[in-house]
Amino acid sequence: MLKVPSITSKFYSEYEGTRLRNIKSKYVDEIMNSYRKRPQDHYIVPLLESHKCGWHAFPLMEIDRYDKRLFFGKRTSDMVKMQFLS
């Protein structure tokens, strides 16, 4: 928030003379609520193909980290371990 008044006023600005205290909290709440909404709250389906990426934010299936068929993490070799130790 700017604490210092501007050097020159904007004569064409509609809100030049208003102070932030005079803004009704109803409007501030509406603006904040619109920022908090997700795209799924506005639209039923994705409008564009690019919207489909990330539209469903939940995983399609649960991943068991100990199942070697689905999760095979890379193991470190002895050479890498020796580099970290020295």
N, C-alpha and C. Protein backbone atom coordinates (compact mmCIF):
# COMPACT_ATOMS: atom_id res chain seq x y z
N MET A 1 0.84 -1.16 0.00
CA MET A 1 0.00 0.00 0.00
C MET A 1 0.89 1.23 0.00
N LEU A 2 0.51 2.21 -0.76
CA LEU A 2 1.30 3.42 -0.87
C LEU A 2 0.98 4.35 0.29
N LYS A 3 2.00 4.76 1.01
CA LYS A 3 1.80 5.67 2.14
C LYS A 3 2.05 7.12 1.74
N VAL A 4 2.78 7.33 0.65
CA VAL A 4 3.13 8.67 0.21
C VAL A 4 2.18 9.07 -0.92
N PRO A 5 1.60 10.26 -0.88
CA PRO A 5 0.73 10.67 -1.98
C PRO A 5 1.53 10.85 -3.26
N SER A 6 0.86 10.65 -4.38
CA SER A 6 1.55 10.79 -5.66
C SER A 6 1.90 12.26 -5.92
N ILE A 7 2.90 12.47 -6.74
CA ILE A 7 3.35 13.83 -7.03
C ILE A 7 2.30 14.58 -7.84
N THR A 8 1.83 13.94 -8.87
CA THR A 8 0.78 14.57 -9.69
C THR A 8 -0.47 13.73 -9.60
N SER A 9 -1.58 14.36 -9.54
CA SER A 9 -2.84 13.62 -9.48
C SER A 9 -3.29 13.26 -10.89
N LYS A 10 -4.12 12.26 -10.96
CA LYS A 10 -4.67 11.84 -12.24
C LYS A 10 -6.06 12.45 -12.35
N PHE A 11 -6.17 13.47 -13.12
CA PHE A 11 -7.44 14.20 -13.20
C PHE A 11 -8.54 13.36 -13.84
N TYR A 12 -8.16 12.35 -14.61
CA TYR A 12 -9.14 11.54 -15.31
C TYR A 12 -9.60 10.35 -14.48
N SER A 13 -8.99 10.13 -13.32
CA SER A 13 -9.33 8.97 -12.51
C SER A 13 -10.62 9.22 -11.74
N GLU A 14 -11.49 8.24 -11.79
CA GLU A 14 -12.77 8.35 -11.09
C GLU A 14 -12.58 8.22 -9.59
N TYR A 15 -11.57 7.45 -9.18
CA TYR A 15 -11.37 7.15 -7.77
C TYR A 15 -10.23 7.94 -7.16
N GLU A 16 -9.86 9.04 -7.73
CA GLU A 16 -8.73 9.82 -7.23
C GLU A 16 -9.00 10.38 -5.84
N GLY A 17 -10.20 10.85 -5.60
CA GLY A 17 -10.50 11.49 -4.33
C GLY A 17 -10.95 10.53 -3.24
N THR A 18 -11.20 9.29 -3.57
CA THR A 18 -11.71 8.36 -2.57
C THR A 18 -10.56 7.77 -1.76
N ARG A 19 -10.84 7.43 -0.57
CA ARG A 19 -9.87 6.80 0.32
C ARG A 19 -10.19 5.31 0.41
N LEU A 20 -9.21 4.54 0.83
CA LEU A 20 -9.43 3.10 0.95
C LEU A 20 -10.42 2.77 2.06
N ARG A 21 -10.54 3.63 3.04
CA ARG A 21 -11.50 3.39 4.12
C ARG A 21 -12.94 3.46 3.63
N ASN A 22 -13.15 4.23 2.59
CA ASN A 22 -14.50 4.43 2.10
C ASN A 22 -15.01 3.26 1.25
N ILE A 23 -14.13 2.35 0.88
CA ILE A 23 -14.56 1.21 0.08
C ILE A 23 -15.33 0.26 0.97
N LYS A 24 -16.48 -0.15 0.52
CA LYS A 24 -17.33 -1.03 1.31
C LYS A 24 -16.72 -2.42 1.38
N SER A 25 -16.81 -3.02 2.54
CA SER A 25 -16.21 -4.34 2.73
C SER A 25 -16.93 -5.40 1.90
N LYS A 26 -18.17 -5.12 1.50
CA LYS A 26 -18.90 -6.07 0.66
C LYS A 26 -18.17 -6.28 -0.66
N TYR A 27 -17.67 -5.22 -1.24
CA TYR A 27 -16.97 -5.32 -2.52
C TYR A 27 -15.62 -6.00 -2.35
N VAL A 28 -14.95 -5.71 -1.26
CA VAL A 28 -13.67 -6.36 -0.99
C VAL A 28 -13.87 -7.86 -0.81
N ASP A 29 -14.92 -8.25 -0.10
CA ASP A 29 -15.21 -9.67 0.10
C ASP A 29 -15.53 -10.36 -1.22
N GLU A 30 -16.27 -9.70 -2.10
CA GLU A 30 -16.58 -10.29 -3.40
C GLU A 30 -15.31 -10.50 -4.22
N ILE A 31 -14.42 -9.54 -4.19
CA ILE A 31 -13.17 -9.67 -4.93
C ILE A 31 -12.33 -10.81 -4.37
N MET A 32 -12.23 -10.91 -3.07
CA MET A 32 -11.44 -11.97 -2.45
C MET A 32 -12.05 -13.34 -2.72
N ASN A 33 -13.37 -13.44 -2.71
CA ASN A 33 -14.02 -14.72 -3.01
C ASN A 33 -13.78 -15.14 -4.45
N SER A 34 -13.76 -14.20 -5.36
CA SER A 34 -13.50 -14.56 -6.76
C SER A 34 -12.07 -15.03 -6.95
N TYR A 35 -11.13 -14.50 -6.18
CA TYR A 35 -9.75 -14.96 -6.26
C TYR A 35 -9.58 -16.35 -5.66
N ARG A 36 -10.38 -16.68 -4.66
CA ARG A 36 -10.26 -17.98 -4.00
C ARG A 36 -10.89 -19.12 -4.80
N LYS A 37 -11.78 -18.80 -5.72
CA LYS A 37 -12.48 -19.84 -6.47
C LYS A 37 -11.55 -20.54 -7.45
N ARG A 38 -11.79 -21.81 -7.63
CA ARG A 38 -11.04 -22.60 -8.60
C ARG A 38 -11.79 -22.55 -9.93
N PRO A 39 -11.15 -22.93 -11.02
CA PRO A 39 -11.87 -22.97 -12.30
C PRO A 39 -13.05 -23.93 -12.27
N GLN A 40 -12.98 -24.99 -11.47
CA GLN A 40 -14.09 -25.93 -11.39
C GLN A 40 -15.32 -25.29 -10.76
N ASP A 41 -15.13 -24.25 -9.98
CA ASP A 41 -16.27 -23.55 -9.38
C ASP A 41 -16.97 -22.66 -10.40
N HIS A 42 -16.25 -22.23 -11.42
CA HIS A 42 -16.83 -21.35 -12.44
C HIS A 42 -17.48 -22.14 -13.58
N TYR A 43 -16.84 -23.24 -13.99
CA TYR A 43 -17.28 -23.98 -15.17
C TYR A 43 -17.52 -25.44 -14.82
N ILE A 44 -18.43 -26.07 -15.54
CA ILE A 44 -18.74 -27.48 -15.30
C ILE A 44 -17.68 -28.37 -15.93
N VAL A 45 -17.31 -28.06 -17.16
CA VAL A 45 -16.29 -28.84 -17.89
C VAL A 45 -15.20 -27.89 -18.35
N PRO A 46 -14.00 -28.41 -18.66
CA PRO A 46 -12.95 -27.54 -19.18
C PRO A 46 -13.35 -26.94 -20.53
N LEU A 47 -13.07 -25.67 -20.72
CA LEU A 47 -13.47 -25.00 -21.96
C LEU A 47 -12.51 -25.30 -23.10
N LEU A 48 -11.24 -25.39 -22.81
CA LEU A 48 -10.23 -25.62 -23.84
C LEU A 48 -9.47 -26.90 -23.54
N GLU A 49 -8.73 -27.37 -24.54
CA GLU A 49 -7.90 -28.56 -24.33
C GLU A 49 -6.83 -28.31 -23.28
N SER A 50 -6.30 -27.10 -23.24
CA SER A 50 -5.27 -26.80 -22.25
C SER A 50 -5.83 -26.78 -20.83
N HIS A 51 -7.13 -26.59 -20.68
CA HIS A 51 -7.74 -26.61 -19.35
C HIS A 51 -7.83 -28.02 -18.79
N LYS A 52 -7.81 -29.02 -19.67
CA LYS A 52 -7.95 -30.40 -19.20
C LYS A 52 -6.76 -30.83 -18.36
N CYS A 53 -5.61 -30.25 -18.62
CA CYS A 53 -4.42 -30.59 -17.84
C CYS A 53 -4.57 -29.99 -16.45
N GLY A 54 -4.69 -30.83 -15.46
CA GLY A 54 -4.85 -30.37 -14.09
C GLY A 54 -6.28 -30.10 -13.67
N TRP A 55 -7.26 -30.38 -14.54
CA TRP A 55 -8.65 -30.14 -14.16
C TRP A 55 -9.06 -31.06 -13.01
N HIS A 56 -8.68 -32.34 -13.12
CA HIS A 56 -8.95 -33.29 -12.05
C HIS A 56 -7.68 -33.39 -11.22
N ALA A 57 -7.71 -32.87 -10.03
CA ALA A 57 -6.50 -32.76 -9.22
C ALA A 57 -6.26 -33.97 -8.33
N PHE A 58 -7.09 -34.99 -8.42
CA PHE A 58 -6.90 -36.17 -7.58
C PHE A 58 -6.24 -37.28 -8.41
N PRO A 59 -5.47 -38.16 -7.78
CA PRO A 59 -4.82 -39.24 -8.53
C PRO A 59 -5.85 -40.24 -9.04
N LEU A 60 -5.59 -40.81 -10.20
CA LEU A 60 -6.52 -41.77 -10.78
C LEU A 60 -6.49 -43.10 -10.06
N MET A 61 -5.35 -43.46 -9.51
CA MET A 61 -5.25 -44.69 -8.73
C MET A 61 -4.24 -44.49 -7.61
N GLU A 62 -4.44 -45.22 -6.54
CA GLU A 62 -3.51 -45.14 -5.42
C GLU A 62 -2.23 -45.89 -5.77
N ILE A 63 -1.09 -45.32 -5.46
CA ILE A 63 0.19 -45.93 -5.77
C ILE A 63 0.77 -46.50 -4.48
N ASP A 64 1.07 -47.79 -4.54
CA ASP A 64 1.75 -48.44 -3.43
C ASP A 64 3.24 -48.28 -3.66
N ARG A 65 3.93 -47.58 -2.79
CA ARG A 65 5.35 -47.29 -2.98
C ARG A 65 6.22 -48.54 -2.86
N TYR A 66 5.69 -49.61 -2.33
CA TYR A 66 6.46 -50.83 -2.18
C TYR A 66 6.19 -51.83 -3.29
N ASP A 67 5.28 -51.53 -4.20
CA ASP A 67 5.00 -52.41 -5.33
C ASP A 67 6.02 -52.13 -6.43
N LYS A 68 6.85 -53.10 -6.73
CA LYS A 68 7.94 -52.91 -7.69
C LYS A 68 7.43 -52.78 -9.12
N ARG A 69 6.21 -53.19 -9.39
CA ARG A 69 5.68 -53.07 -10.75
C ARG A 69 5.33 -51.62 -11.09
N LEU A 70 4.89 -50.88 -10.10
CA LEU A 70 4.45 -49.51 -10.34
C LEU A 70 5.48 -48.46 -9.94
N PHE A 71 6.25 -48.77 -8.92
CA PHE A 71 7.20 -47.79 -8.41
C PHE A 71 8.57 -48.44 -8.33
N PHE A 72 9.44 -48.05 -9.23
CA PHE A 72 10.79 -48.59 -9.20
C PHE A 72 11.74 -47.41 -9.13
N GLY A 73 12.01 -47.00 -7.91
CA GLY A 73 12.91 -45.88 -7.70
C GLY A 73 14.33 -46.24 -8.07
N LYS A 74 15.08 -45.27 -8.50
CA LYS A 74 16.46 -45.52 -8.90
C LYS A 74 17.32 -45.70 -7.65
N ARG A 75 18.11 -46.73 -7.67
CA ARG A 75 18.99 -47.02 -6.55
C ARG A 75 20.34 -46.37 -6.83
N THR A 76 21.00 -45.99 -5.77
CA THR A 76 22.32 -45.40 -5.94
C THR A 76 23.36 -46.49 -6.04
N SER A 77 24.39 -46.23 -6.78
CA SER A 77 25.47 -47.21 -6.93
C SER A 77 26.55 -46.94 -5.89
N ASP A 78 27.49 -47.87 -5.80
CA ASP A 78 28.59 -47.72 -4.84
C ASP A 78 29.47 -46.52 -5.20
N MET A 79 29.59 -46.26 -6.50
CA MET A 79 30.41 -45.14 -6.94
C MET A 79 29.84 -43.80 -6.44
N VAL A 80 28.53 -43.69 -6.50
CA VAL A 80 27.89 -42.46 -6.04
C VAL A 80 28.02 -42.33 -4.52
N LYS A 81 27.88 -43.43 -3.82
CA LYS A 81 28.01 -43.40 -2.36
C LYS A 81 29.41 -42.98 -1.95
N MET A 82 30.41 -43.46 -2.68
CA MET A 82 31.80 -43.11 -2.35
C MET A 82 32.07 -41.63 -2.60
N GLN A 83 31.44 -41.06 -3.62
CA GLN A 83 31.63 -39.63 -3.89
C GLN A 83 31.04 -38.78 -2.78
N PHE A 84 29.93 -39.21 -2.21
CA PHE A 84 29.32 -38.45 -1.13
C PHE A 84 30.13 -38.56 0.15
N LEU A 85 30.75 -39.70 0.37
CA LEU A 85 31.51 -39.91 1.60
C LEU A 85 32.86 -39.19 1.59
N SER A 86 33.45 -39.05 0.39
CA SER A 86 34.78 -38.42 0.35
C SER A 86 34.73 -36.94 0.11
